[in-house]
Amino acid sequence: MKIRDYRGIEVVLYPRLFDHIRHRHPDMLHILNISDKHGLNAIIRDILENPHEVYRDYEGAYYYIKRLNKIFVTVIVYENIVRTMYLLSNKSYNRMRSKRWVCRVY
């Protein structure tokens, strides 16, 4: 599946991402009330098209961030492929913003 981000750049979303998130970040599926691939794809599409913030790190990965109440939903895109998605607390967000992310893109 291909999604155009807020800049119009095509980003690839592979079907196996749902299995990765289900095994590595199951709490996120529960918190965001995601039960299947279609629900996950819809949330990723929304974050890529309408992020609150976007950062880039030293390796060139992009972090698309959407704030939902007290958590930050983060979608990581590297080489125009969605690699993973996870939640950040306010504390983790501040740490990543000051140490990991090189510059704010949006």
N, C-alpha and C. Protein backbone atom coordinates (compact mmCIF):
# COMPACT_ATOMS: atom_id res chain seq x y z
N MET A 1 0.85 -1.18 0.00
CA MET A 1 0.00 0.00 0.00
C MET A 1 0.89 1.24 0.00
N LYS A 2 0.51 2.23 -0.77
CA LYS A 2 1.25 3.49 -0.83
C LYS A 2 0.37 4.61 -0.31
N ILE A 3 1.00 5.48 0.47
CA ILE A 3 0.30 6.63 1.06
C ILE A 3 1.12 7.87 0.75
N ARG A 4 0.45 8.94 0.41
CA ARG A 4 1.15 10.22 0.23
C ARG A 4 1.15 10.95 1.56
N ASP A 5 2.34 11.40 1.98
CA ASP A 5 2.42 12.12 3.25
C ASP A 5 2.00 13.57 3.07
N TYR A 6 2.13 14.37 4.09
CA TYR A 6 1.68 15.76 4.06
C TYR A 6 2.39 16.60 3.00
N ARG A 7 3.57 16.13 2.54
CA ARG A 7 4.32 16.85 1.50
C ARG A 7 4.01 16.34 0.11
N GLY A 8 3.23 15.24 0.04
CA GLY A 8 2.93 14.62 -1.25
C GLY A 8 3.91 13.54 -1.64
N ILE A 9 4.82 13.17 -0.75
CA ILE A 9 5.80 12.12 -1.01
C ILE A 9 5.16 10.76 -0.75
N GLU A 10 5.38 9.84 -1.68
CA GLU A 10 4.81 8.50 -1.55
C GLU A 10 5.59 7.68 -0.53
N VAL A 11 4.88 7.10 0.42
CA VAL A 11 5.47 6.27 1.46
C VAL A 11 4.83 4.89 1.35
N VAL A 12 5.67 3.84 1.41
CA VAL A 12 5.19 2.47 1.27
C VAL A 12 4.86 1.90 2.66
N LEU A 13 3.72 1.23 2.73
CA LEU A 13 3.28 0.57 3.96
C LEU A 13 3.07 -0.90 3.63
N TYR A 14 3.96 -1.76 4.13
CA TYR A 14 3.87 -3.20 3.87
C TYR A 14 2.87 -3.86 4.81
N PRO A 15 2.14 -4.88 4.32
CA PRO A 15 1.14 -5.57 5.14
C PRO A 15 1.74 -6.23 6.39
N ARG A 16 2.99 -6.63 6.35
CA ARG A 16 3.60 -7.32 7.50
C ARG A 16 3.82 -6.39 8.70
N LEU A 17 3.64 -5.10 8.53
CA LEU A 17 3.83 -4.16 9.64
C LEU A 17 2.85 -4.45 10.78
N PHE A 18 1.63 -4.85 10.46
CA PHE A 18 0.65 -5.16 11.50
C PHE A 18 1.16 -6.28 12.40
N ASP A 19 1.73 -7.33 11.81
CA ASP A 19 2.27 -8.44 12.60
C ASP A 19 3.43 -7.99 13.47
N HIS A 20 4.29 -7.14 12.93
CA HIS A 20 5.40 -6.60 13.71
C HIS A 20 4.88 -5.83 14.93
N ILE A 21 3.92 -4.97 14.71
CA ILE A 21 3.38 -4.15 15.81
C ILE A 21 2.62 -5.03 16.81
N ARG A 22 1.90 -6.01 16.31
CA ARG A 22 1.16 -6.90 17.20
C ARG A 22 2.10 -7.66 18.14
N HIS A 23 3.28 -8.02 17.65
CA HIS A 23 4.24 -8.76 18.47
C HIS A 23 5.14 -7.86 19.30
N ARG A 24 5.54 -6.71 18.75
CA ARG A 24 6.51 -5.85 19.43
C ARG A 24 5.89 -4.73 20.25
N HIS A 25 4.70 -4.25 19.85
CA HIS A 25 4.06 -3.11 20.52
C HIS A 25 2.57 -3.38 20.75
N PRO A 26 2.22 -4.50 21.38
CA PRO A 26 0.79 -4.85 21.52
C PRO A 26 0.00 -3.85 22.36
N ASP A 27 0.67 -3.17 23.28
CA ASP A 27 -0.02 -2.17 24.11
C ASP A 27 -0.59 -1.05 23.26
N MET A 28 0.11 -0.72 22.19
CA MET A 28 -0.35 0.36 21.31
C MET A 28 -1.67 -0.02 20.64
N LEU A 29 -1.78 -1.25 20.19
CA LEU A 29 -3.02 -1.69 19.55
C LEU A 29 -4.18 -1.59 20.52
N HIS A 30 -3.95 -1.97 21.75
CA HIS A 30 -5.00 -1.91 22.77
C HIS A 30 -5.38 -0.45 23.09
N ILE A 31 -4.38 0.39 23.31
CA ILE A 31 -4.64 1.79 23.68
C ILE A 31 -5.36 2.54 22.56
N LEU A 32 -4.97 2.27 21.31
CA LEU A 32 -5.58 2.97 20.17
C LEU A 32 -6.82 2.24 19.64
N ASN A 33 -7.18 1.12 20.27
CA ASN A 33 -8.36 0.34 19.89
C ASN A 33 -8.28 -0.12 18.42
N ILE A 34 -7.13 -0.68 18.06
CA ILE A 34 -6.91 -1.20 16.71
C ILE A 34 -7.06 -2.72 16.78
N SER A 35 -7.92 -3.26 15.91
CA SER A 35 -8.14 -4.71 15.95
C SER A 35 -7.66 -5.44 14.70
N ASP A 36 -7.38 -4.69 13.63
CA ASP A 36 -6.94 -5.36 12.40
C ASP A 36 -6.05 -4.44 11.56
N LYS A 37 -5.59 -4.98 10.42
CA LYS A 37 -4.69 -4.23 9.54
C LYS A 37 -5.35 -2.96 8.99
N HIS A 38 -6.64 -3.04 8.73
CA HIS A 38 -7.34 -1.89 8.16
C HIS A 38 -7.37 -0.72 9.15
N GLY A 39 -7.61 -1.03 10.41
CA GLY A 39 -7.59 0.00 11.45
C GLY A 39 -6.21 0.63 11.60
N LEU A 40 -5.18 -0.22 11.57
CA LEU A 40 -3.81 0.29 11.66
C LEU A 40 -3.47 1.16 10.46
N ASN A 41 -3.82 0.71 9.26
CA ASN A 41 -3.55 1.48 8.05
C ASN A 41 -4.23 2.84 8.08
N ALA A 42 -5.45 2.89 8.59
CA ALA A 42 -6.18 4.17 8.66
C ALA A 42 -5.48 5.14 9.61
N ILE A 43 -5.00 4.65 10.74
CA ILE A 43 -4.31 5.53 11.69
C ILE A 43 -2.98 6.00 11.12
N ILE A 44 -2.24 5.10 10.48
CA ILE A 44 -0.96 5.49 9.87
C ILE A 44 -1.20 6.52 8.78
N ARG A 45 -2.20 6.29 7.96
CA ARG A 45 -2.53 7.26 6.90
C ARG A 45 -2.80 8.65 7.50
N ASP A 46 -3.60 8.68 8.56
CA ASP A 46 -3.93 9.95 9.20
C ASP A 46 -2.67 10.63 9.75
N ILE A 47 -1.79 9.88 10.36
CA ILE A 47 -0.57 10.47 10.93
C ILE A 47 0.35 10.98 9.83
N LEU A 48 0.50 10.22 8.74
CA LEU A 48 1.37 10.67 7.65
C LEU A 48 0.80 11.89 6.93
N GLU A 49 -0.51 11.93 6.78
CA GLU A 49 -1.13 13.04 6.06
C GLU A 49 -1.31 14.28 6.93
N ASN A 50 -1.50 14.09 8.25
CA ASN A 50 -1.80 15.21 9.15
C ASN A 50 -1.00 15.13 10.45
N PRO A 51 0.33 15.11 10.37
CA PRO A 51 1.10 15.03 11.61
C PRO A 51 1.07 16.34 12.38
N HIS A 52 1.27 16.25 13.68
CA HIS A 52 1.43 17.47 14.46
C HIS A 52 2.86 17.98 14.34
N GLU A 53 3.81 17.03 14.26
CA GLU A 53 5.22 17.37 14.13
C GLU A 53 5.92 16.28 13.33
N VAL A 54 7.02 16.65 12.68
CA VAL A 54 7.87 15.68 11.99
C VAL A 54 9.32 16.05 12.29
N TYR A 55 10.10 15.03 12.68
CA TYR A 55 11.53 15.22 12.95
C TYR A 55 12.34 14.27 12.10
N ARG A 56 13.62 14.60 11.91
CA ARG A 56 14.56 13.75 11.19
C ARG A 56 15.71 13.44 12.13
N ASP A 57 16.25 12.21 12.06
CA ASP A 57 17.38 11.86 12.92
C ASP A 57 18.67 11.83 12.11
N TYR A 58 19.76 11.42 12.75
CA TYR A 58 21.08 11.41 12.12
C TYR A 58 21.17 10.46 10.92
N GLU A 59 20.42 9.37 10.96
CA GLU A 59 20.47 8.38 9.88
C GLU A 59 19.55 8.72 8.72
N GLY A 60 18.73 9.73 8.87
CA GLY A 60 17.81 10.12 7.80
C GLY A 60 16.40 9.57 7.96
N ALA A 61 16.11 8.96 9.10
CA ALA A 61 14.76 8.47 9.37
C ALA A 61 13.87 9.64 9.77
N TYR A 62 12.61 9.55 9.40
CA TYR A 62 11.64 10.59 9.74
C TYR A 62 10.68 10.06 10.79
N TYR A 63 10.36 10.89 11.77
CA TYR A 63 9.46 10.56 12.87
C TYR A 63 8.23 11.44 12.74
N TYR A 64 7.14 10.85 12.29
CA TYR A 64 5.86 11.55 12.16
C TYR A 64 5.14 11.38 13.49
N ILE A 65 4.75 12.49 14.11
CA ILE A 65 4.20 12.43 15.46
C ILE A 65 2.83 13.08 15.50
N LYS A 66 1.93 12.39 16.17
CA LYS A 66 0.59 12.92 16.42
C LYS A 66 0.32 12.77 17.91
N ARG A 67 -0.08 13.85 18.54
CA ARG A 67 -0.37 13.81 19.98
C ARG A 67 -1.83 13.45 20.20
N LEU A 68 -2.04 12.46 21.06
CA LEU A 68 -3.38 12.05 21.45
C LEU A 68 -3.43 12.09 22.97
N ASN A 69 -4.08 13.11 23.49
CA ASN A 69 -4.17 13.32 24.93
C ASN A 69 -2.77 13.40 25.54
N LYS A 70 -2.39 12.43 26.37
CA LYS A 70 -1.09 12.49 27.05
C LYS A 70 -0.02 11.62 26.40
N ILE A 71 -0.31 11.05 25.24
CA ILE A 71 0.68 10.21 24.57
C ILE A 71 0.97 10.74 23.17
N PHE A 72 2.09 10.32 22.64
CA PHE A 72 2.50 10.69 21.30
C PHE A 72 2.56 9.42 20.46
N VAL A 73 1.81 9.37 19.38
CA VAL A 73 1.86 8.24 18.47
C VAL A 73 2.91 8.58 17.42
N THR A 74 3.89 7.69 17.26
CA THR A 74 5.04 7.96 16.40
C THR A 74 5.13 6.93 15.29
N VAL A 75 5.20 7.39 14.06
CA VAL A 75 5.40 6.52 12.90
C VAL A 75 6.78 6.81 12.34
N ILE A 76 7.61 5.77 12.22
CA ILE A 76 8.98 5.93 11.73
C ILE A 76 9.02 5.55 10.26
N VAL A 77 9.55 6.46 9.43
CA VAL A 77 9.70 6.23 8.00
C VAL A 77 11.17 6.38 7.64
N TYR A 78 11.71 5.34 7.01
CA TYR A 78 13.10 5.37 6.56
C TYR A 78 13.14 4.89 5.12
N GLU A 79 13.79 5.66 4.26
CA GLU A 79 13.86 5.37 2.83
C GLU A 79 12.46 5.19 2.24
N ASN A 80 11.54 6.06 2.66
CA ASN A 80 10.15 6.10 2.19
C ASN A 80 9.37 4.81 2.44
N ILE A 81 9.75 4.08 3.50
CA ILE A 81 9.04 2.88 3.92
C ILE A 81 8.71 3.03 5.39
N VAL A 82 7.45 2.75 5.76
CA VAL A 82 7.07 2.77 7.17
C VAL A 82 7.75 1.57 7.82
N ARG A 83 8.63 1.84 8.80
CA ARG A 83 9.39 0.77 9.46
C ARG A 83 8.73 0.28 10.74
N THR A 84 8.16 1.19 11.53
CA THR A 84 7.50 0.80 12.76
C THR A 84 6.63 1.95 13.25
N MET A 85 5.96 1.68 14.35
CA MET A 85 5.07 2.66 14.96
C MET A 85 5.01 2.33 16.43
N TYR A 86 5.08 3.35 17.28
CA TYR A 86 5.00 3.10 18.72
C TYR A 86 4.52 4.33 19.44
N LEU A 87 4.28 4.16 20.74
CA LEU A 87 3.81 5.25 21.59
C LEU A 87 4.96 5.82 22.39
N LEU A 88 4.90 7.11 22.65
CA LEU A 88 5.88 7.77 23.51
C LEU A 88 5.13 8.51 24.62
N SER A 89 5.68 8.43 25.81
CA SER A 89 5.16 9.25 26.90
C SER A 89 5.74 10.65 26.74
N ASN A 90 5.27 11.57 27.54
CA ASN A 90 5.80 12.93 27.49
C ASN A 90 7.29 12.95 27.83
N LYS A 91 7.70 12.16 28.81
CA LYS A 91 9.10 12.08 29.20
C LYS A 91 9.98 11.55 28.06
N SER A 92 9.55 10.46 27.42
CA SER A 92 10.29 9.88 26.30
C SER A 92 10.33 10.83 25.11
N TYR A 93 9.22 11.49 24.85
CA TYR A 93 9.16 12.46 23.76
C TYR A 93 10.20 13.56 23.97
N ASN A 94 10.27 14.11 25.17
CA ASN A 94 11.24 15.18 25.45
C ASN A 94 12.68 14.68 25.33
N ARG A 95 12.94 13.46 25.77
CA ARG A 95 14.28 12.89 25.67
C ARG A 95 14.66 12.69 24.20
N MET A 96 13.77 12.12 23.41
CA MET A 96 14.04 11.90 21.98
C MET A 96 14.23 13.22 21.25
N ARG A 97 13.42 14.19 21.59
CA ARG A 97 13.49 15.49 20.92
C ARG A 97 14.84 16.16 21.17
N SER A 98 15.39 15.99 22.37
CA SER A 98 16.64 16.67 22.68
C SER A 98 17.88 15.86 22.32
N LYS A 99 17.77 14.52 22.21
CA LYS A 99 18.97 13.70 21.99
C LYS A 99 19.00 12.97 20.67
N ARG A 100 17.89 12.55 20.15
CA ARG A 100 17.89 11.68 18.98
C ARG A 100 17.57 12.42 17.68
N TRP A 101 16.60 13.30 17.75
CA TRP A 101 16.14 13.95 16.53
C TRP A 101 17.00 15.17 16.21
N VAL A 102 17.51 15.22 14.99
CA VAL A 102 18.43 16.28 14.58
C VAL A 102 17.70 17.59 14.33
N CYS A 103 16.64 17.52 13.56
CA CYS A 103 15.95 18.77 13.25
C CYS A 103 14.45 18.54 13.05
N ARG A 104 13.73 19.60 13.31
CA ARG A 104 12.28 19.55 13.09
C ARG A 104 12.02 19.90 11.64
N VAL A 105 11.29 19.04 10.96
CA VAL A 105 10.98 19.23 9.55
C VAL A 105 9.63 19.92 9.38
N TYR A 106 8.71 19.60 10.29
CA TYR A 106 7.35 20.16 10.20
C TYR A 106 6.81 20.35 11.59
